[in-house]
Amino acid sequence: MTTEVDESRELALEAARIADAQKGSNIVILQVGEVLGVTEYFVVVSASNRRLVRTLVDEIEVQCRDAVSRTPSRTEGVREQQWVLLDYGDVVVHVFLEEIREFYDIERLYKDVPVIPMGFGDAQ
């Protein structure tokens, strides 16, 4: 029997795999459910330029829809292509332009939450 947590984790891992395959970097999955309560996982991804931000966002949307039949309930930041947020409810994917990620340092805010191992790419 698959639980909601398993499905959330599957979506987070799938988004991270897609980002890795599309040349996203410094990919991290943070299990934030215990501290946030409104979502279970953050997937945080860096991109070296705005075009790559757009490519990552597009590919994550399309491939997650195809692989796990999920689409984001809302998307923010697409026009600016510096920090795009794909909100799937239980999983929020953050695609950052590298310098924007460094500036906001989102991982620092969640330094005490578990990091989910991915087992591919430049995973930590």
N, C-alpha and C. Protein backbone atom coordinates (compact mmCIF):
# COMPACT_ATOMS: atom_id res chain seq x y z
N MET A 1 0.83 -1.18 0.00
CA MET A 1 0.00 0.00 0.00
C MET A 1 0.89 1.25 0.00
N THR A 2 0.63 2.15 -0.91
CA THR A 2 1.40 3.38 -1.02
C THR A 2 0.73 4.46 -0.20
N THR A 3 1.52 5.14 0.61
CA THR A 3 0.98 6.22 1.43
C THR A 3 1.23 7.56 0.75
N GLU A 4 0.57 8.59 1.27
CA GLU A 4 0.78 9.94 0.74
C GLU A 4 2.23 10.37 0.87
N VAL A 5 2.88 10.00 1.98
CA VAL A 5 4.28 10.37 2.19
C VAL A 5 5.15 9.70 1.13
N ASP A 6 4.87 8.42 0.81
CA ASP A 6 5.62 7.72 -0.23
C ASP A 6 5.43 8.42 -1.57
N GLU A 7 4.20 8.83 -1.88
CA GLU A 7 3.93 9.51 -3.14
C GLU A 7 4.62 10.87 -3.19
N SER A 8 4.65 11.57 -2.07
CA SER A 8 5.34 12.85 -2.00
C SER A 8 6.83 12.67 -2.23
N ARG A 9 7.39 11.68 -1.56
CA ARG A 9 8.82 11.41 -1.72
C ARG A 9 9.14 11.01 -3.16
N GLU A 10 8.28 10.20 -3.76
CA GLU A 10 8.47 9.80 -5.15
C GLU A 10 8.48 11.01 -6.08
N LEU A 11 7.56 11.93 -5.86
CA LEU A 11 7.51 13.15 -6.67
C LEU A 11 8.77 13.99 -6.47
N ALA A 12 9.20 14.15 -5.24
CA ALA A 12 10.42 14.92 -4.95
C ALA A 12 11.63 14.30 -5.63
N LEU A 13 11.77 12.99 -5.53
CA LEU A 13 12.89 12.30 -6.17
C LEU A 13 12.81 12.40 -7.68
N GLU A 14 11.62 12.29 -8.24
CA GLU A 14 11.46 12.40 -9.69
C GLU A 14 11.84 13.79 -10.17
N ALA A 15 11.40 14.82 -9.48
CA ALA A 15 11.76 16.20 -9.86
C ALA A 15 13.28 16.39 -9.78
N ALA A 16 13.90 15.84 -8.75
CA ALA A 16 15.36 15.94 -8.61
C ALA A 16 16.08 15.19 -9.73
N ARG A 17 15.59 14.01 -10.09
CA ARG A 17 16.20 13.23 -11.19
C ARG A 17 16.11 13.99 -12.51
N ILE A 18 14.95 14.58 -12.76
CA ILE A 18 14.75 15.34 -13.99
C ILE A 18 15.70 16.53 -14.02
N ALA A 19 15.78 17.25 -12.92
CA ALA A 19 16.67 18.41 -12.84
C ALA A 19 18.12 18.00 -13.09
N ASP A 20 18.53 16.87 -12.51
CA ASP A 20 19.89 16.37 -12.71
C ASP A 20 20.13 16.03 -14.18
N ALA A 21 19.18 15.35 -14.80
CA ALA A 21 19.32 14.96 -16.21
C ALA A 21 19.37 16.17 -17.14
N GLN A 22 18.76 17.27 -16.72
CA GLN A 22 18.71 18.48 -17.55
C GLN A 22 19.81 19.48 -17.18
N LYS A 23 20.82 19.04 -16.43
CA LYS A 23 21.99 19.85 -16.08
C LYS A 23 21.75 20.85 -14.95
N GLY A 24 20.73 20.60 -14.12
CA GLY A 24 20.60 21.38 -12.89
C GLY A 24 21.75 20.99 -11.98
N SER A 25 22.11 21.86 -11.04
CA SER A 25 23.24 21.56 -10.16
C SER A 25 22.87 21.81 -8.71
N ASN A 26 23.74 21.32 -7.82
CA ASN A 26 23.59 21.51 -6.39
C ASN A 26 22.16 21.17 -5.93
N ILE A 27 21.69 20.01 -6.35
CA ILE A 27 20.31 19.59 -6.07
C ILE A 27 20.22 19.01 -4.66
N VAL A 28 19.22 19.48 -3.93
CA VAL A 28 19.02 19.03 -2.56
C VAL A 28 17.52 18.81 -2.34
N ILE A 29 17.18 17.72 -1.66
CA ILE A 29 15.80 17.49 -1.24
C ILE A 29 15.76 17.63 0.27
N LEU A 30 14.95 18.56 0.75
CA LEU A 30 14.81 18.80 2.18
C LEU A 30 13.45 18.33 2.65
N GLN A 31 13.41 17.55 3.70
CA GLN A 31 12.16 17.08 4.28
C GLN A 31 11.70 18.11 5.31
N VAL A 32 10.83 19.02 4.89
CA VAL A 32 10.46 20.18 5.70
C VAL A 32 9.11 20.03 6.39
N GLY A 33 8.44 18.93 6.21
CA GLY A 33 7.10 18.73 6.76
C GLY A 33 6.98 18.95 8.25
N GLU A 34 7.97 18.52 9.00
CA GLU A 34 7.92 18.66 10.47
C GLU A 34 7.95 20.12 10.92
N VAL A 35 8.63 20.97 10.16
CA VAL A 35 8.77 22.37 10.57
C VAL A 35 7.79 23.31 9.85
N LEU A 36 7.35 22.94 8.66
CA LEU A 36 6.44 23.82 7.93
C LEU A 36 4.97 23.43 8.06
N GLY A 37 4.68 22.16 7.95
CA GLY A 37 3.31 21.70 8.09
C GLY A 37 2.44 21.90 6.85
N VAL A 38 2.87 22.73 5.92
CA VAL A 38 2.05 22.97 4.71
C VAL A 38 2.57 22.22 3.50
N THR A 39 3.77 21.67 3.60
CA THR A 39 4.34 20.86 2.53
C THR A 39 5.30 19.87 3.16
N GLU A 40 5.57 18.80 2.45
CA GLU A 40 6.46 17.76 2.98
C GLU A 40 7.92 17.94 2.56
N TYR A 41 8.12 18.31 1.29
CA TYR A 41 9.48 18.37 0.75
C TYR A 41 9.72 19.64 -0.04
N PHE A 42 10.96 20.13 0.04
CA PHE A 42 11.48 21.15 -0.86
C PHE A 42 12.51 20.45 -1.74
N VAL A 43 12.43 20.68 -3.03
CA VAL A 43 13.50 20.29 -3.95
C VAL A 43 14.14 21.60 -4.38
N VAL A 44 15.43 21.73 -4.11
CA VAL A 44 16.14 22.98 -4.40
C VAL A 44 17.19 22.68 -5.47
N VAL A 45 17.15 23.48 -6.54
CA VAL A 45 17.99 23.25 -7.72
C VAL A 45 18.61 24.57 -8.16
N SER A 46 19.86 24.52 -8.60
CA SER A 46 20.51 25.70 -9.18
C SER A 46 20.65 25.55 -10.68
N ALA A 47 20.63 26.72 -11.36
CA ALA A 47 20.86 26.78 -12.80
C ALA A 47 21.86 27.89 -13.08
N SER A 48 22.73 27.66 -14.05
CA SER A 48 23.80 28.61 -14.33
C SER A 48 23.35 29.84 -15.11
N ASN A 49 22.17 29.77 -15.75
CA ASN A 49 21.67 30.92 -16.51
C ASN A 49 20.14 30.84 -16.61
N ARG A 50 19.54 31.95 -17.05
CA ARG A 50 18.08 32.03 -17.10
C ARG A 50 17.46 31.03 -18.07
N ARG A 51 18.14 30.79 -19.16
CA ARG A 51 17.61 29.82 -20.12
C ARG A 51 17.52 28.44 -19.48
N LEU A 52 18.53 28.09 -18.69
CA LEU A 52 18.51 26.79 -18.01
C LEU A 52 17.42 26.76 -16.94
N VAL A 53 17.20 27.88 -16.25
CA VAL A 53 16.09 27.94 -15.29
C VAL A 53 14.80 27.55 -16.01
N ARG A 54 14.54 28.17 -17.15
CA ARG A 54 13.32 27.92 -17.92
C ARG A 54 13.24 26.45 -18.38
N THR A 55 14.36 25.94 -18.88
CA THR A 55 14.39 24.54 -19.33
C THR A 55 14.09 23.59 -18.18
N LEU A 56 14.71 23.82 -17.04
CA LEU A 56 14.47 22.95 -15.88
C LEU A 56 13.00 22.97 -15.47
N VAL A 57 12.44 24.16 -15.38
CA VAL A 57 11.03 24.30 -14.99
C VAL A 57 10.13 23.57 -15.98
N ASP A 58 10.34 23.81 -17.27
CA ASP A 58 9.52 23.17 -18.30
C ASP A 58 9.62 21.65 -18.24
N GLU A 59 10.84 21.14 -18.13
CA GLU A 59 11.05 19.69 -18.12
C GLU A 59 10.50 19.04 -16.86
N ILE A 60 10.66 19.68 -15.72
CA ILE A 60 10.10 19.13 -14.48
C ILE A 60 8.59 19.05 -14.60
N GLU A 61 7.95 20.11 -15.10
CA GLU A 61 6.49 20.08 -15.26
C GLU A 61 6.04 18.96 -16.19
N VAL A 62 6.63 18.88 -17.36
CA VAL A 62 6.21 17.89 -18.37
C VAL A 62 6.50 16.47 -17.90
N GLN A 63 7.72 16.24 -17.45
CA GLN A 63 8.11 14.87 -17.10
C GLN A 63 7.44 14.37 -15.81
N CYS A 64 7.20 15.25 -14.85
CA CYS A 64 6.47 14.82 -13.65
C CYS A 64 5.03 14.49 -14.00
N ARG A 65 4.45 15.25 -14.91
CA ARG A 65 3.09 14.93 -15.36
C ARG A 65 3.07 13.55 -16.01
N ASP A 66 4.07 13.28 -16.85
CA ASP A 66 4.12 11.99 -17.55
C ASP A 66 4.46 10.83 -16.61
N ALA A 67 5.41 11.04 -15.69
CA ALA A 67 5.91 9.95 -14.85
C ALA A 67 5.01 9.65 -13.65
N VAL A 68 4.48 10.68 -13.00
CA VAL A 68 3.71 10.46 -11.77
C VAL A 68 2.33 11.11 -11.81
N SER A 69 1.93 11.57 -12.98
CA SER A 69 0.59 12.17 -13.19
C SER A 69 0.31 13.32 -12.23
N ARG A 70 1.29 14.19 -12.06
CA ARG A 70 1.12 15.35 -11.17
C ARG A 70 1.48 16.63 -11.92
N THR A 71 0.72 17.68 -11.66
CA THR A 71 1.02 19.00 -12.19
C THR A 71 1.00 19.99 -11.02
N PRO A 72 1.78 21.05 -11.11
CA PRO A 72 1.79 22.01 -10.01
C PRO A 72 0.46 22.75 -9.91
N SER A 73 0.04 23.04 -8.68
CA SER A 73 -1.19 23.80 -8.48
C SER A 73 -0.96 25.27 -8.78
N ARG A 74 0.28 25.72 -8.61
CA ARG A 74 0.63 27.08 -9.00
C ARG A 74 2.12 27.16 -9.29
N THR A 75 2.47 28.17 -10.06
CA THR A 75 3.86 28.42 -10.43
C THR A 75 4.12 29.91 -10.27
N GLU A 76 5.27 30.25 -9.70
CA GLU A 76 5.62 31.65 -9.51
C GLU A 76 7.03 31.91 -10.01
N GLY A 77 7.24 33.11 -10.56
CA GLY A 77 8.57 33.54 -10.96
C GLY A 77 9.00 33.17 -12.36
N VAL A 78 8.10 32.61 -13.14
CA VAL A 78 8.48 32.14 -14.48
C VAL A 78 8.95 33.29 -15.37
N ARG A 79 8.29 34.41 -15.30
CA ARG A 79 8.64 35.54 -16.17
C ARG A 79 10.07 36.03 -15.89
N GLU A 80 10.43 36.14 -14.62
CA GLU A 80 11.75 36.65 -14.26
C GLU A 80 12.86 35.63 -14.46
N GLN A 81 12.55 34.34 -14.33
CA GLN A 81 13.50 33.25 -14.51
C GLN A 81 14.73 33.39 -13.62
N GLN A 82 14.51 33.81 -12.37
CA GLN A 82 15.60 33.88 -11.40
C GLN A 82 15.36 32.91 -10.25
N TRP A 83 14.11 32.85 -9.79
CA TRP A 83 13.71 31.92 -8.73
C TRP A 83 12.30 31.50 -9.09
N VAL A 84 12.17 30.30 -9.62
CA VAL A 84 10.86 29.78 -10.00
C VAL A 84 10.43 28.75 -8.99
N LEU A 85 9.20 28.87 -8.56
CA LEU A 85 8.63 27.97 -7.57
C LEU A 85 7.52 27.17 -8.24
N LEU A 86 7.64 25.85 -8.19
CA LEU A 86 6.59 24.94 -8.67
C LEU A 86 5.96 24.33 -7.44
N ASP A 87 4.71 24.66 -7.18
CA ASP A 87 4.02 24.22 -5.96
C ASP A 87 3.09 23.07 -6.28
N TYR A 88 3.49 21.88 -5.84
CA TYR A 88 2.67 20.68 -6.02
C TYR A 88 1.85 20.38 -4.77
N GLY A 89 1.85 21.27 -3.81
CA GLY A 89 1.15 21.05 -2.55
C GLY A 89 2.05 20.37 -1.54
N ASP A 90 2.26 19.09 -1.71
CA ASP A 90 3.10 18.31 -0.81
C ASP A 90 4.59 18.44 -1.12
N VAL A 91 4.91 18.93 -2.31
CA VAL A 91 6.29 19.13 -2.75
C VAL A 91 6.38 20.49 -3.40
N VAL A 92 7.39 21.25 -3.01
CA VAL A 92 7.64 22.55 -3.65
C VAL A 92 9.03 22.49 -4.26
N VAL A 93 9.09 22.73 -5.56
CA VAL A 93 10.36 22.73 -6.28
C VAL A 93 10.80 24.18 -6.46
N HIS A 94 12.02 24.47 -6.02
CA HIS A 94 12.61 25.81 -6.16
C HIS A 94 13.74 25.70 -7.18
N VAL A 95 13.61 26.40 -8.31
CA VAL A 95 14.68 26.43 -9.31
C VAL A 95 15.28 27.83 -9.27
N PHE A 96 16.52 27.91 -8.86
CA PHE A 96 17.20 29.19 -8.65
C PHE A 96 18.28 29.44 -9.69
N LEU A 97 18.40 30.67 -10.13
CA LEU A 97 19.61 31.13 -10.78
C LEU A 97 20.69 31.10 -9.69
N GLU A 98 21.89 30.62 -10.01
CA GLU A 98 22.91 30.38 -8.99
C GLU A 98 23.11 31.55 -8.03
N GLU A 99 23.26 32.77 -8.57
CA GLU A 99 23.54 33.90 -7.68
C GLU A 99 22.35 34.26 -6.79
N ILE A 100 21.14 33.98 -7.25
CA ILE A 100 19.94 34.24 -6.43
C ILE A 100 19.88 33.22 -5.29
N ARG A 101 20.22 31.98 -5.59
CA ARG A 101 20.25 30.95 -4.54
C ARG A 101 21.27 31.29 -3.47
N GLU A 102 22.45 31.74 -3.92
CA GLU A 102 23.48 32.12 -2.95
C GLU A 102 22.98 33.27 -2.06
N PHE A 103 22.30 34.23 -2.66
CA PHE A 103 21.81 35.39 -1.91
C PHE A 103 20.79 34.98 -0.85
N TYR A 104 19.79 34.17 -1.24
CA TYR A 104 18.73 33.79 -0.30
C TYR A 104 19.14 32.67 0.65
N ASP A 105 20.06 31.82 0.23
CA ASP A 105 20.60 30.75 1.06
C ASP A 105 19.50 29.99 1.81
N ILE A 106 18.53 29.50 1.04
CA ILE A 106 17.34 28.84 1.60
C ILE A 106 17.70 27.65 2.49
N GLU A 107 18.77 26.95 2.18
CA GLU A 107 19.15 25.79 3.00
C GLU A 107 19.52 26.21 4.43
N ARG A 108 20.04 27.41 4.60
CA ARG A 108 20.41 27.88 5.93
C ARG A 108 19.16 27.96 6.83
N LEU A 109 18.04 28.35 6.24
CA LEU A 109 16.80 28.45 7.01
C LEU A 109 16.30 27.09 7.48
N TYR A 110 16.67 26.04 6.76
CA TYR A 110 16.19 24.69 7.06
C TYR A 110 17.35 23.75 7.36
N LYS A 111 18.38 24.26 8.01
CA LYS A 111 19.59 23.47 8.25
C LYS A 111 19.37 22.29 9.18
N ASP A 112 18.27 22.31 9.95
CA ASP A 112 18.02 21.25 10.91
C ASP A 112 17.07 20.16 10.40
N VAL A 113 16.62 20.27 9.16
CA VAL A 113 15.70 19.27 8.63
C VAL A 113 16.49 18.18 7.91
N PRO A 114 15.93 16.98 7.81
CA PRO A 114 16.62 15.90 7.11
C PRO A 114 16.80 16.20 5.62
N VAL A 115 17.96 15.82 5.10
CA VAL A 115 18.25 15.89 3.67
C VAL A 115 18.04 14.47 3.13
N ILE A 116 17.22 14.36 2.09
CA ILE A 116 16.90 13.05 1.52
C ILE A 116 17.99 12.64 0.53
N PRO A 117 18.60 11.47 0.72
CA PRO A 117 19.62 11.01 -0.22
C PRO A 117 19.00 10.69 -1.57
N MET A 118 19.73 11.04 -2.63
CA MET A 118 19.22 10.82 -3.99
C MET A 118 19.95 9.70 -4.71
N GLY A 119 21.24 9.57 -4.49
CA GLY A 119 21.98 8.49 -5.12
C GLY A 119 22.31 8.70 -6.59
N PHE A 120 22.34 9.95 -7.06
CA PHE A 120 22.71 10.23 -8.43
C PHE A 120 23.27 11.64 -8.52
N GLY A 121 23.86 11.97 -9.66
CA GLY A 121 24.35 13.32 -9.91
C GLY A 121 25.33 13.80 -8.87
N ASP A 122 25.26 15.09 -8.55
CA ASP A 122 26.16 15.67 -7.55
C ASP A 122 25.51 15.69 -6.18
N ALA A 123 24.71 14.65 -5.93
CA ALA A 123 23.97 14.54 -4.67
C ALA A 123 24.91 14.59 -3.49
N GLN A 124 24.39 15.16 -2.41
CA GLN A 124 25.19 15.29 -1.20
C GLN A 124 25.01 14.10 -0.30
